[in-house]
């Protein structure tokens, strides 16, 4: 006859005919508890996912449905639903205005992002080299500029570049350019875009600078000491030590800035409503003017949906590039 006993000492050999069984530690409920622990992160994410679906997903679905309809004031008053199929998309894609706006948006985004990343990187590196007090003072100024409401900042820039009584024109006239005393900065496409670009770059530099300064704090100082011992100068230290550590931050920050500038709406619309002669309209402004502005809501929805698809394409390209970099590092 065999005897069944419970033992917890695995270091002692069992006697012949005696079988050992595992003892569940006190307070351990076994696989059920482990399954509950594994599902806990998903339960914590559930409220955020629900909020995203309600606040972003549902409007996106409604916008997609609206893009297939002919919705004008007449349909709104009579509560009619007229389906157009893909006619809204055909009208948009076959028109020359849409492709001009796309080209303008791409160039506008590229110029702004290039300036933002260049100046933001330089300010971030400057923060890393400043003393504690000067760094704190500069970061305070950056945070204040970053925290300023968009419409308030746009209004200030309108005042600065006003044709009459503008500070910029007054300073240029005092400096000897008397022809600029009454210059209309919002009278041409180039000058209007110049003011808008200055505004967007000024608003974006703090985010880039603080992010990249945070990246420099993760670099071990021993690497700089080793590079100095090997005779590396400032440029080689940057290219061989600083830049490799900053590369992931640069990629992520550049991607965020591309999205932020591409969909910039309040700065352009509040500055000059896409003027003069609709020459400074980017895709978000174009969608608003064609939709609520001209009361062709289906057409505006189609343009906005195409804008979302372009942003999704940029996101897919970014994720593919990041995953490829991770595979190369492995």
C-alpha atoms as a PDB file:
ATOM      1  CA  UNK A   1       0.000   0.000   0.000  1.00  0.00           C
ATOM      2  CA  UNK A   2       1.399   3.393  -0.969  1.00  0.00           C
ATOM      3  CA  UNK A   3       1.233   6.462   1.205  1.00  0.00           C
ATOM      4  CA  UNK A   4       0.549   9.969  -0.263  1.00  0.00           C
ATOM      5  CA  UNK A   5       2.169  12.863   1.558  1.00  0.00           C
ATOM      6  CA  UNK A   6       2.629  16.558   0.879  1.00  0.00           C
ATOM      7  CA  UNK A   7       6.173  17.889   0.990  1.00  0.00           C
ATOM      8  CA  UNK A   8       7.678  21.269   0.329  1.00  0.00           C
ATOM      9  CA  UNK A   9      11.348  20.316   0.738  1.00  0.00           C
ATOM     10  CA  UNK A  10      12.508  19.404  -2.755  1.00  0.00           C
ATOM     11  CA  UNK A  11      16.068  18.924  -1.635  1.00  0.00           C
ATOM     12  CA  UNK A  12      15.293  15.686   0.302  1.00  0.00           C
ATOM     13  CA  UNK A  13      14.834  12.447  -1.622  1.00  0.00           C
ATOM     14  CA  UNK A  14      11.452  10.792  -1.271  1.00  0.00           C
ATOM     15  CA  UNK A  15      11.196   7.397   0.356  1.00  0.00           C
ATOM     16  CA  UNK A  16      10.227   4.378  -1.801  1.00  0.00           C
ATOM     17  CA  UNK A  17       6.522   4.117  -2.282  1.00  0.00           C
ATOM     18  CA  UNK A  18       5.942   7.714  -1.204  1.00  0.00           C
ATOM     19  CA  UNK A  19       4.653  10.224  -3.812  1.00  0.00           C
ATOM     20  CA  UNK A  20       5.150  13.964  -3.430  1.00  0.00           C
ATOM     21  CA  UNK A  21       2.607  16.566  -4.466  1.00  0.00           C
ATOM     22  CA  UNK A  22       3.082  20.332  -4.887  1.00  0.00           C
ATOM     23  CA  UNK A  23       1.698  22.584  -2.210  1.00  0.00           C
ATOM     24  CA  UNK A  24       0.044  25.860  -3.295  1.00  0.00           C
ATOM     25  CA  UNK A  25       1.615  28.748  -1.393  1.00  0.00           C
ATOM     26  CA  UNK A  26      -0.707  30.607   0.947  1.00  0.00           C
ATOM     27  CA  UNK A  27      -2.629  33.383  -0.817  1.00  0.00           C
ATOM     28  CA  UNK A  28      -1.914  32.021  -4.330  1.00  0.00           C
ATOM     29  CA  UNK A  29      -5.082  31.214  -6.232  1.00  0.00           C
ATOM     30  CA  UNK A  30      -3.181  29.556  -9.068  1.00  0.00           C
ATOM     31  CA  UNK A  31      -3.810  29.990 -12.817  1.00  0.00           C
ATOM     32  CA  UNK A  32      -6.990  32.007 -12.287  1.00  0.00           C
ATOM     33  CA  UNK A  33      -5.072  34.718 -10.440  1.00  0.00           C
ATOM     34  CA  UNK A  34      -2.350  34.784 -13.075  1.00  0.00           C
ATOM     35  CA  UNK A  35      -4.932  35.187 -15.805  1.00  0.00           C
ATOM     36  CA  UNK A  36      -6.509  38.037 -13.847  1.00  0.00           C
ATOM     37  CA  UNK A  37      -3.119  39.730 -13.494  1.00  0.00           C
ATOM     38  CA  UNK A  38      -2.461  39.399 -17.217  1.00  0.00           C
ATOM     39  CA  UNK A  39      -5.774  41.049 -18.111  1.00  0.00           C
ATOM     40  CA  UNK A  40      -5.353  43.928 -15.638  1.00  0.00           C
ATOM     41  CA  UNK A  41      -3.398  46.198 -18.071  1.00  0.00           C
ATOM     42  CA  UNK A  42      -6.109  45.796 -20.708  1.00  0.00           C
ATOM     43  CA  UNK A  43      -8.800  46.677 -18.191  1.00  0.00           C
ATOM     44  CA  UNK A  44      -6.894  49.824 -17.266  1.00  0.00           C
ATOM     45  CA  UNK A  45      -6.637  50.771 -20.945  1.00  0.00           C
ATOM     46  CA  UNK A  46     -10.334  50.169 -21.548  1.00  0.00           C
ATOM     47  CA  UNK A  47     -11.568  53.673 -20.455  1.00  0.00           C
ATOM     48  CA  UNK A  48      -9.033  55.389 -22.720  1.00  0.00           C
ATOM     49  CA  UNK A  49      -9.949  53.124 -25.634  1.00  0.00           C
ATOM     50  CA  UNK A  50     -13.653  53.791 -25.120  1.00  0.00           C
ATOM     51  CA  UNK A  51     -13.046  57.540 -24.985  1.00  0.00           C
ATOM     52  CA  UNK A  52     -10.990  57.331 -28.199  1.00  0.00           C
ATOM     53  CA  UNK A  53     -13.711  55.370 -29.984  1.00  0.00           C
ATOM     54  CA  UNK A  54     -16.448  57.756 -28.847  1.00  0.00           C
ATOM     55  CA  UNK A  55     -14.603  61.051 -29.361  1.00  0.00           C
ATOM     56  CA  UNK A  56     -12.577  60.154 -32.464  1.00  0.00           C
ATOM     57  CA  UNK A  57     -13.886  56.968 -33.991  1.00  0.00           C
ATOM     58  CA  UNK A  58     -17.568  57.910 -34.182  1.00  0.00           C
ATOM     59  CA  UNK A  59     -16.985  61.375 -35.729  1.00  0.00           C
ATOM     60  CA  UNK A  60     -14.629  59.739 -38.230  1.00  0.00           C
ATOM     61  CA  UNK A  61     -17.339  57.259 -39.228  1.00  0.00           C
ATOM     62  CA  UNK A  62     -19.917  60.051 -39.541  1.00  0.00           C
ATOM     63  CA  UNK A  63     -17.494  62.090 -41.655  1.00  0.00           C
ATOM     64  CA  UNK A  64     -16.890  59.093 -43.890  1.00  0.00           C
ATOM     65  CA  UNK A  65     -20.638  58.562 -44.374  1.00  0.00           C
ATOM     66  CA  UNK A  66     -21.137  62.275 -45.061  1.00  0.00           C
ATOM     67  CA  UNK A  67     -18.461  62.213 -47.769  1.00  0.00           C
ATOM     68  CA  UNK A  68     -20.724  59.965 -49.870  1.00  0.00           C
ATOM     69  CA  UNK A  69     -23.711  62.311 -49.629  1.00  0.00           C
ATOM     70  CA  UNK A  70     -24.872  65.487 -51.317  1.00  0.00           C
ATOM     71  CA  UNK A  71     -25.539  67.663 -48.293  1.00  0.00           C
ATOM     72  CA  UNK A  72     -26.353  71.322 -48.928  1.00  0.00           C
ATOM     73  CA  UNK A  73     -28.714  73.817 -47.188  1.00  0.00           C
ATOM     74  CA  UNK A  74     -31.635  72.423 -49.189  1.00  0.00           C
ATOM     75  CA  UNK A  75     -31.065  68.887 -47.914  1.00  0.00           C
ATOM     76  CA  UNK A  76     -30.614  70.176 -44.363  1.00  0.00           C
ATOM     77  CA  UNK A  77     -33.893  72.128 -44.430  1.00  0.00           C
ATOM     78  CA  UNK A  78     -35.926  69.335 -46.037  1.00  0.00           C
ATOM     79  CA  UNK A  79     -34.157  66.574 -44.045  1.00  0.00           C
ATOM     80  CA  UNK A  80     -33.228  64.778 -47.252  1.00  0.00           C
ATOM     81  CA  UNK A  81     -30.471  62.228 -47.681  1.00  0.00           C
ATOM     82  CA  UNK A  82     -29.060  62.193 -51.214  1.00  0.00           C
ATOM     83  CA  UNK A  83     -26.346  59.653 -51.865  1.00  0.00           C
ATOM     84  CA  UNK A  84     -23.686  60.479 -54.457  1.00  0.00           C
ATOM     85  CA  UNK A  85     -21.461  57.445 -54.121  1.00  0.00           C
ATOM     86  CA  UNK A  86     -17.898  58.337 -55.040  1.00  0.00           C
ATOM     87  CA  UNK A  87     -18.897  61.464 -56.988  1.00  0.00           C
ATOM     88  CA  UNK A  88     -17.572  63.792 -54.276  1.00  0.00           C
ATOM     89  CA  UNK A  89     -14.193  62.083 -54.379  1.00  0.00           C
ATOM     90  CA  UNK A  90     -14.214  62.091 -58.191  1.00  0.00           C
ATOM     91  CA  UNK A  91     -14.971  65.813 -58.305  1.00  0.00           C
ATOM     92  CA  UNK A  92     -12.221  66.573 -55.794  1.00  0.00           C
ATOM     93  CA  UNK A  93      -9.520  64.388 -57.341  1.00  0.00           C
ATOM     94  CA  UNK A  94     -10.301  65.442 -60.913  1.00  0.00           C
ATOM     95  CA  UNK A  95     -10.082  69.153 -60.073  1.00  0.00           C
ATOM     96  CA  UNK A  96      -6.847  71.083 -60.397  1.00  0.00           C
ATOM     97  CA  UNK A  97      -7.474  73.107 -57.229  1.00  0.00           C
ATOM     98  CA  UNK A  98      -7.111  70.085 -54.969  1.00  0.00           C
ATOM     99  CA  UNK A  99      -3.701  69.105 -56.328  1.00  0.00           C
ATOM    100  CA  UNK A 100      -2.469  72.695 -56.128  1.00  0.00           C
ATOM    101  CA  UNK A 101      -3.477  72.783 -52.474  1.00  0.00           C
ATOM    102  CA  UNK A 102      -1.792  69.414 -51.841  1.00  0.00           C
ATOM    103  CA  UNK A 103       1.438  70.666 -53.405  1.00  0.00           C
ATOM    104  CA  UNK A 104       1.218  73.901 -51.406  1.00  0.00           C
ATOM    105  CA  UNK A 105       0.589  71.964 -48.188  1.00  0.00           C
ATOM    106  CA  UNK A 106       3.545  69.637 -48.758  1.00  0.00           C
ATOM    107  CA  UNK A 107       5.943  72.522 -49.465  1.00  0.00           C
ATOM    108  CA  UNK A 108       4.606  74.524 -46.522  1.00  0.00           C
ATOM    109  CA  UNK A 109       5.012  71.523 -44.196  1.00  0.00           C
ATOM    110  CA  UNK A 110       8.513  70.698 -45.438  1.00  0.00           C
ATOM    111  CA  UNK A 111       9.801  74.264 -44.990  1.00  0.00           C
ATOM    112  CA  UNK A 112       8.292  74.621 -41.529  1.00  0.00           C
ATOM    113  CA  UNK A 113       9.471  71.237 -40.254  1.00  0.00           C
ATOM    114  CA  UNK A 114      12.997  71.807 -41.579  1.00  0.00           C
ATOM    115  CA  UNK A 115      13.248  75.167 -39.795  1.00  0.00           C
ATOM    116  CA  UNK A 116      11.646  73.815 -36.618  1.00  0.00           C
ATOM    117  CA  UNK A 117      13.966  70.815 -36.366  1.00  0.00           C
ATOM    118  CA  UNK A 118      17.102  72.818 -37.202  1.00  0.00           C
ATOM    119  CA  UNK A 119      16.452  75.649 -34.754  1.00  0.00           C
ATOM    120  CA  UNK A 120      14.928  73.362 -32.114  1.00  0.00           C
ATOM    121  CA  UNK A 121      17.972  71.071 -32.222  1.00  0.00           C
ATOM    122  CA  UNK A 122      20.344  74.020 -31.857  1.00  0.00           C
ATOM    123  CA  UNK A 123      18.380  75.380 -28.885  1.00  0.00           C
ATOM    124  CA  UNK A 124      18.270  71.896 -27.315  1.00  0.00           C
ATOM    125  CA  UNK A 125      22.056  71.554 -27.617  1.00  0.00           C
ATOM    126  CA  UNK A 126      22.431  75.049 -26.193  1.00  0.00           C
ATOM    127  CA  UNK A 127      20.351  74.031 -23.171  1.00  0.00           C
ATOM    128  CA  UNK A 128      22.697  71.103 -22.587  1.00  0.00           C
ATOM    129  CA  UNK A 129      25.729  73.413 -22.489  1.00  0.00           C
ATOM    130  CA  UNK A 130      24.335  76.273 -20.404  1.00  0.00           C
ATOM    131  CA  UNK A 131      24.768  76.603 -16.680  1.00  0.00           C
ATOM    132  CA  UNK A 132      21.959  75.776 -14.304  1.00  0.00           C
ATOM    133  CA  UNK A 133      20.603  79.312 -13.891  1.00  0.00           C
ATOM    134  CA  UNK A 134      20.762  80.266 -17.553  1.00  0.00           C
ATOM    135  CA  UNK A 135      19.230  76.933 -18.525  1.00  0.00           C
ATOM    136  CA  UNK A 136      16.360  77.484 -16.121  1.00  0.00           C
ATOM    137  CA  UNK A 137      15.791  81.000 -17.480  1.00  0.00           C
ATOM    138  CA  UNK A 138      15.810  79.847 -21.105  1.00  0.00           C
ATOM    139  CA  UNK A 139      13.512  76.897 -20.375  1.00  0.00           C
ATOM    140  CA  UNK A 140      11.104  79.242 -18.602  1.00  0.00           C
ATOM    141  CA  UNK A 141      10.942  81.423 -21.720  1.00  0.00           C
ATOM    142  CA  UNK A 142      10.427  78.352 -23.923  1.00  0.00           C
ATOM    143  CA  UNK A 143       7.615  77.014 -21.759  1.00  0.00           C
ATOM    144  CA  UNK A 144       5.865  80.395 -21.719  1.00  0.00           C
ATOM    145  CA  UNK A 145       6.051  80.609 -25.517  1.00  0.00           C
ATOM    146  CA  UNK A 146       4.795  77.030 -25.822  1.00  0.00           C
ATOM    147  CA  UNK A 147       1.932  77.589 -23.378  1.00  0.00           C
ATOM    148  CA  UNK A 148       0.614  80.691 -25.124  1.00  0.00           C
ATOM    149  CA  UNK A 149      -2.812  80.022 -26.697  1.00  0.00           C
ATOM    150  CA  UNK A 150      -2.719  79.705 -30.480  1.00  0.00           C
ATOM    151  CA  UNK A 151      -5.290  82.410 -31.211  1.00  0.00           C
ATOM    152  CA  UNK A 152      -3.634  84.805 -28.763  1.00  0.00           C
ATOM    153  CA  UNK A 153      -0.247  84.258 -30.420  1.00  0.00           C
ATOM    154  CA  UNK A 154      -1.790  84.720 -33.871  1.00  0.00           C
ATOM    155  CA  UNK A 155      -3.399  87.995 -32.770  1.00  0.00           C
ATOM    156  CA  UNK A 156      -0.064  89.254 -31.449  1.00  0.00           C
ATOM    157  CA  UNK A 157       1.613  88.479 -34.780  1.00  0.00           C
ATOM    158  CA  UNK A 158      -1.175  90.292 -36.618  1.00  0.00           C
ATOM    159  CA  UNK A 159      -0.430  93.350 -34.504  1.00  0.00           C
ATOM    160  CA  UNK A 160       3.323  93.030 -35.032  1.00  0.00           C
ATOM    161  CA  UNK A 161       2.977  92.858 -38.830  1.00  0.00           C
ATOM    162  CA  UNK A 162       0.055  95.271 -39.214  1.00  0.00           C
ATOM    163  CA  UNK A 163       0.311  97.563 -42.227  1.00  0.00           C
ATOM    164  CA  UNK A 164      -0.310 100.664 -40.165  1.00  0.00           C
ATOM    165  CA  UNK A 165       1.158 101.042 -36.677  1.00  0.00           C
ATOM    166  CA  UNK A 166       2.834  97.609 -36.895  1.00  0.00           C
ATOM    167  CA  UNK A 167       5.994  97.222 -34.818  1.00  0.00           C
ATOM    168  CA  UNK A 168       7.898  95.399 -37.579  1.00  0.00           C
ATOM    169  CA  UNK A 169       7.212  98.082 -40.193  1.00  0.00           C
ATOM    170  CA  UNK A 170       8.144 100.806 -37.693  1.00  0.00           C
ATOM    171  CA  UNK A 171      11.459  99.098 -36.868  1.00  0.00           C
ATOM    172  CA  UNK A 172      12.289  98.570 -40.548  1.00  0.00           C
ATOM    173  CA  UNK A 173      11.522 102.224 -41.307  1.00  0.00           C
ATOM    174  CA  UNK A 174      13.719 103.337 -38.395  1.00  0.00           C
ATOM    175  CA  UNK A 175      16.526 101.109 -39.694  1.00  0.00           C
ATOM    176  CA  UNK A 176      16.529 102.881 -43.055  1.00  0.00           C
ATOM    177  CA  UNK A 177      14.020 100.889 -45.134  1.00  0.00           C
ATOM    178  CA  UNK A 178      11.530 103.722 -45.489  1.00  0.00           C
ATOM    179  CA  UNK A 179       9.669 101.846 -48.230  1.00  0.00           C
ATOM    180  CA  UNK A 180       8.619  99.270 -45.603  1.00  0.00           C
ATOM    181  CA  UNK A 181       6.878 101.874 -43.431  1.00  0.00           C
ATOM    182  CA  UNK A 182       3.490 101.018 -44.908  1.00  0.00           C
ATOM    183  CA  UNK A 183       4.153  97.507 -46.249  1.00  0.00           C
ATOM    184  CA  UNK A 184       1.209  95.098 -46.371  1.00  0.00           C
ATOM    185  CA  UNK A 185       2.542  91.748 -45.117  1.00  0.00           C
ATOM    186  CA  UNK A 186      -0.743  90.030 -45.920  1.00  0.00           C
ATOM    187  CA  UNK A 187      -1.031  91.301 -49.491  1.00  0.00           C
ATOM    188  CA  UNK A 188       0.947  88.551 -51.252  1.00  0.00           C
ATOM    189  CA  UNK A 189       1.226  84.779 -50.932  1.00  0.00           C
ATOM    190  CA  UNK A 190       4.926  84.761 -50.070  1.00  0.00           C
ATOM    191  CA  UNK A 191       4.787  87.456 -47.394  1.00  0.00           C
ATOM    192  CA  UNK A 192       1.693  85.941 -45.778  1.00  0.00           C
ATOM    193  CA  UNK A 193       3.299  82.505 -45.670  1.00  0.00           C
ATOM    194  CA  UNK A 194       6.452  84.093 -44.233  1.00  0.00           C
ATOM    195  CA  UNK A 195       4.530  85.523 -41.278  1.00  0.00           C
ATOM    196  CA  UNK A 196       2.621  82.258 -40.729  1.00  0.00           C
ATOM    197  CA  UNK A 197       5.858  80.259 -40.912  1.00  0.00           C
ATOM    198  CA  UNK A 198       7.507  82.558 -38.377  1.00  0.00           C
ATOM    199  CA  UNK A 199       4.536  82.068 -36.047  1.00  0.00           C
ATOM    200  CA  UNK A 200       4.438  78.271 -36.354  1.00  0.00           C
ATOM    201  CA  UNK A 201       8.220  77.919 -35.967  1.00  0.00           C
ATOM    202  CA  UNK A 202       8.146  80.155 -32.889  1.00  0.00           C
ATOM    203  CA  UNK A 203       5.389  78.018 -31.364  1.00  0.00           C
ATOM    204  CA  UNK A 204       7.082  74.700 -32.180  1.00  0.00           C
ATOM    205  CA  UNK A 205      10.699  75.286 -31.161  1.00  0.00           C
ATOM    206  CA  UNK A 206      10.060  74.862 -27.399  1.00  0.00           C
ATOM    207  CA  UNK A 207       8.654  71.335 -27.824  1.00  0.00           C
ATOM    208  CA  UNK A 208      11.574  70.202 -29.986  1.00  0.00           C
ATOM    209  CA  UNK A 209      14.230  71.912 -27.862  1.00  0.00           C
ATOM    210  CA  UNK A 210      13.007  70.491 -24.550  1.00  0.00           C
ATOM    211  CA  UNK A 211      12.614  66.994 -26.028  1.00  0.00           C
ATOM    212  CA  UNK A 212      16.105  66.959 -27.478  1.00  0.00           C
ATOM    213  CA  UNK A 213      17.602  68.440 -24.329  1.00  0.00           C
ATOM    214  CA  UNK A 214      15.999  65.558 -22.422  1.00  0.00           C
ATOM    215  CA  UNK A 215      17.641  63.192 -24.924  1.00  0.00           C
ATOM    216  CA  UNK A 216      21.079  64.636 -24.224  1.00  0.00           C
ATOM    217  CA  UNK A 217      20.666  63.931 -20.508  1.00  0.00           C
ATOM    218  CA  UNK A 218      20.556  60.178 -21.264  1.00  0.00           C
ATOM    219  CA  UNK A 219      24.056  60.185 -22.828  1.00  0.00           C
ATOM    220  CA  UNK A 220      26.739  58.873 -20.448  1.00  0.00           C
ATOM    221  CA  UNK A 221      29.437  61.481 -19.827  1.00  0.00           C
ATOM    222  CA  UNK A 222      32.072  58.724 -20.014  1.00  0.00           C
ATOM    223  CA  UNK A 223      31.511  58.555 -23.776  1.00  0.00           C
ATOM    224  CA  UNK A 224      32.431  62.223 -24.166  1.00  0.00           C
ATOM    225  CA  UNK A 225      35.515  61.685 -21.996  1.00  0.00           C
ATOM    226  CA  UNK A 226      36.571  58.714 -24.117  1.00  0.00           C
ATOM    227  CA  UNK A 227      36.022  60.701 -27.327  1.00  0.00           C
ATOM    228  CA  UNK A 228      38.091  63.578 -25.914  1.00  0.00           C
ATOM    229  CA  UNK A 229      40.911  61.200 -25.035  1.00  0.00           C
ATOM    230  CA  UNK A 230      40.836  59.837 -28.595  1.00  0.00           C
ATOM    231  CA  UNK A 231      41.278  63.388 -29.892  1.00  0.00           C
ATOM    232  CA  UNK A 232      37.735  63.937 -31.166  1.00  0.00           C
ATOM    233  CA  UNK A 233      36.717  67.557 -31.591  1.00  0.00           C
ATOM    234  CA  UNK A 234      33.298  69.123 -31.117  1.00  0.00           C
ATOM    235  CA  UNK A 235      31.937  68.009 -34.490  1.00  0.00           C
ATOM    236  CA  UNK A 236      33.169  64.413 -34.176  1.00  0.00           C
ATOM    237  CA  UNK A 237      31.817  64.194 -30.632  1.00  0.00           C
ATOM    238  CA  UNK A 238      28.447  65.294 -31.955  1.00  0.00           C
ATOM    239  CA  UNK A 239      28.400  62.928 -34.932  1.00  0.00           C
ATOM    240  CA  UNK A 240      29.780  59.880 -33.086  1.00  0.00           C
ATOM    241  CA  UNK A 241      28.340  60.320 -29.588  1.00  0.00           C
ATOM    242  CA  UNK A 242      25.492  62.821 -29.425  1.00  0.00           C
ATOM    243  CA  UNK A 243      23.712  62.159 -32.703  1.00  0.00           C
ATOM    244  CA  UNK A 244      23.427  58.341 -32.370  1.00  0.00           C
ATOM    245  CA  UNK A 245      21.697  58.773 -29.003  1.00  0.00           C
ATOM    246  CA  UNK A 246      19.468  61.556 -30.321  1.00  0.00           C
ATOM    247  CA  UNK A 247      18.446  59.773 -33.534  1.00  0.00           C
ATOM    248  CA  UNK A 248      15.320  58.034 -32.104  1.00  0.00           C
ATOM    249  CA  UNK A 249      14.198  61.300 -30.495  1.00  0.00           C
ATOM    250  CA  UNK A 250      14.784  63.171 -33.758  1.00  0.00           C
ATOM    251  CA  UNK A 251      12.713  60.654 -35.696  1.00  0.00           C
ATOM    252  CA  UNK A 252       9.812  60.770 -33.262  1.00  0.00           C
ATOM    253  CA  UNK A 253       9.876  64.556 -32.903  1.00  0.00           C
ATOM    254  CA  UNK A 254      10.103  65.111 -36.666  1.00  0.00           C
ATOM    255  CA  UNK A 255       7.132  62.833 -37.238  1.00  0.00           C
ATOM    256  CA  UNK A 256       5.049  64.669 -34.633  1.00  0.00           C
ATOM    257  CA  UNK A 257       5.976  68.030 -36.130  1.00  0.00           C
ATOM    258  CA  UNK A 258       5.040  66.862 -39.637  1.00  0.00           C
ATOM    259  CA  UNK A 259       1.567  65.928 -38.412  1.00  0.00           C
ATOM    260  CA  UNK A 260       1.193  69.108 -36.352  1.00  0.00           C
ATOM    261  CA  UNK A 261       2.218  71.442 -39.199  1.00  0.00           C
ATOM    262  CA  UNK A 262       0.331  69.488 -41.879  1.00  0.00           C
ATOM    263  CA  UNK A 263      -2.959  69.871 -40.034  1.00  0.00           C
ATOM    264  CA  UNK A 264      -2.331  73.426 -38.801  1.00  0.00           C
ATOM    265  CA  UNK A 265      -5.615  75.308 -39.038  1.00  0.00           C
ATOM    266  CA  UNK A 266      -6.067  78.189 -36.541  1.00  0.00           C
ATOM    267  CA  UNK A 267      -2.806  79.987 -37.389  1.00  0.00           C
ATOM    268  CA  UNK A 268      -3.569  80.141 -41.121  1.00  0.00           C
ATOM    269  CA  UNK A 269      -7.287  80.766 -40.899  1.00  0.00           C
ATOM    270  CA  UNK A 270      -7.117  83.372 -38.131  1.00  0.00           C
ATOM    271  CA  UNK A 271      -4.190  85.157 -39.763  1.00  0.00           C
ATOM    272  CA  UNK A 272      -5.754  85.847 -43.175  1.00  0.00           C
ATOM    273  CA  UNK A 273      -8.491  83.219 -43.786  1.00  0.00           C
ATOM    274  CA  UNK A 274      -6.401  81.556 -46.462  1.00  0.00           C
ATOM    275  CA  UNK A 275      -5.958  84.782 -48.409  1.00  0.00           C
ATOM    276  CA  UNK A 276      -5.086  86.666 -50.408  1.00  0.00           C
ATOM    277  CA  UNK A 277      -7.289  85.117 -53.111  1.00  0.00           C
ATOM    278  CA  UNK A 278      -7.159  81.711 -51.374  1.00  0.00           C
ATOM    279  CA  UNK A 279      -3.441  81.451 -52.177  1.00  0.00           C
ATOM    280  CA  UNK A 280      -2.424  80.390 -48.657  1.00  0.00           C
ATOM    281  CA  UNK A 281      -5.025  77.658 -48.224  1.00  0.00           C
ATOM    282  CA  UNK A 282      -3.654  74.328 -47.047  1.00  0.00           C
ATOM    283  CA  UNK A 283      -5.696  71.120 -46.968  1.00  0.00           C
ATOM    284  CA  UNK A 284      -7.452  71.788 -43.632  1.00  0.00           C
ATOM    285  CA  UNK A 285      -8.370  75.329 -44.723  1.00  0.00           C
ATOM    286  CA  UNK A 286      -9.449  74.087 -48.148  1.00  0.00           C
ATOM    287  CA  UNK A 287     -11.730  71.465 -46.572  1.00  0.00           C
ATOM    288  CA  UNK A 288     -13.314  74.058 -44.281  1.00  0.00           C
ATOM    289  CA  UNK A 289     -13.858  76.629 -47.033  1.00  0.00           C
ATOM    290  CA  UNK A 290     -15.347  74.085 -49.446  1.00  0.00           C
ATOM    291  CA  UNK A 291     -17.456  72.484 -46.692  1.00  0.00           C
ATOM    292  CA  UNK A 292     -18.982  74.841 -44.110  1.00  0.00           C
ATOM    293  CA  UNK A 293     -17.739  77.930 -45.972  1.00  0.00           C
ATOM    294  CA  UNK A 294     -19.464  77.182 -49.281  1.00  0.00           C
ATOM    295  CA  UNK A 295     -22.079  74.935 -47.605  1.00  0.00           C
ATOM    296  CA  UNK A 296     -21.034  71.890 -49.648  1.00  0.00           C
ATOM    297  CA  UNK A 297     -20.702  69.646 -46.618  1.00  0.00           C
ATOM    298  CA  UNK A 298     -20.297  66.399 -48.551  1.00  0.00           C
ATOM    299  CA  UNK A 299     -17.454  67.877 -50.587  1.00  0.00           C
ATOM    300  CA  UNK A 300     -15.753  69.217 -47.458  1.00  0.00           C
ATOM    301  CA  UNK A 301     -16.077  65.816 -45.775  1.00  0.00           C
ATOM    302  CA  UNK A 302     -14.462  64.129 -48.790  1.00  0.00           C
ATOM    303  CA  UNK A 303     -11.524  66.562 -48.721  1.00  0.00           C
ATOM    304  CA  UNK A 304     -11.037  66.089 -44.971  1.00  0.00           C
ATOM    305  CA  UNK A 305     -11.183  62.301 -45.367  1.00  0.00           C
ATOM    306  CA  UNK A 306      -8.513  62.447 -48.080  1.00  0.00           C
ATOM    307  CA  UNK A 307      -6.408  64.550 -45.712  1.00  0.00           C
ATOM    308  CA  UNK A 308      -6.765  61.851 -43.045  1.00  0.00           C
ATOM    309  CA  UNK A 309      -5.675  59.193 -45.558  1.00  0.00           C
ATOM    310  CA  UNK A 310      -2.552  61.220 -46.379  1.00  0.00           C
ATOM    311  CA  UNK A 311      -1.714  61.474 -42.668  1.00  0.00           C
ATOM    312  CA  UNK A 312      -2.298  57.736 -42.241  1.00  0.00           C
ATOM    313  CA  UNK A 313       0.110  57.134 -45.121  1.00  0.00           C
ATOM    314  CA  UNK A 314       2.742  59.272 -43.410  1.00  0.00           C
ATOM    315  CA  UNK A 315       2.147  57.389 -40.158  1.00  0.00           C
ATOM    316  CA  UNK A 316       2.535  54.010 -41.892  1.00  0.00           C
ATOM    317  CA  UNK A 317       5.803  55.168 -43.488  1.00  0.00           C
ATOM    318  CA  UNK A 318       7.123  56.355 -40.120  1.00  0.00           C
ATOM    319  CA  UNK A 319       6.225  53.112 -38.338  1.00  0.00           C
ATOM    320  CA  UNK A 320       7.767  51.055 -41.127  1.00  0.00           C
ATOM    321  CA  UNK A 321      10.996  53.061 -40.894  1.00  0.00           C
ATOM    322  CA  UNK A 322      11.146  52.701 -37.098  1.00  0.00           C
ATOM    323  CA  UNK A 323      10.527  48.936 -37.229  1.00  0.00           C
ATOM    324  CA  UNK A 324      13.202  48.557 -39.895  1.00  0.00           C
ATOM    325  CA  UNK A 325      15.688  50.448 -37.721  1.00  0.00           C
ATOM    326  CA  UNK A 326      14.902  48.208 -34.764  1.00  0.00           C
ATOM    327  CA  UNK A 327      15.433  45.101 -36.904  1.00  0.00           C
ATOM    328  CA  UNK A 328      18.784  46.444 -38.123  1.00  0.00           C
ATOM    329  CA  UNK A 329      19.893  47.114 -34.530  1.00  0.00           C
ATOM    330  CA  UNK A 330      18.980  43.554 -33.546  1.00  0.00           C
END
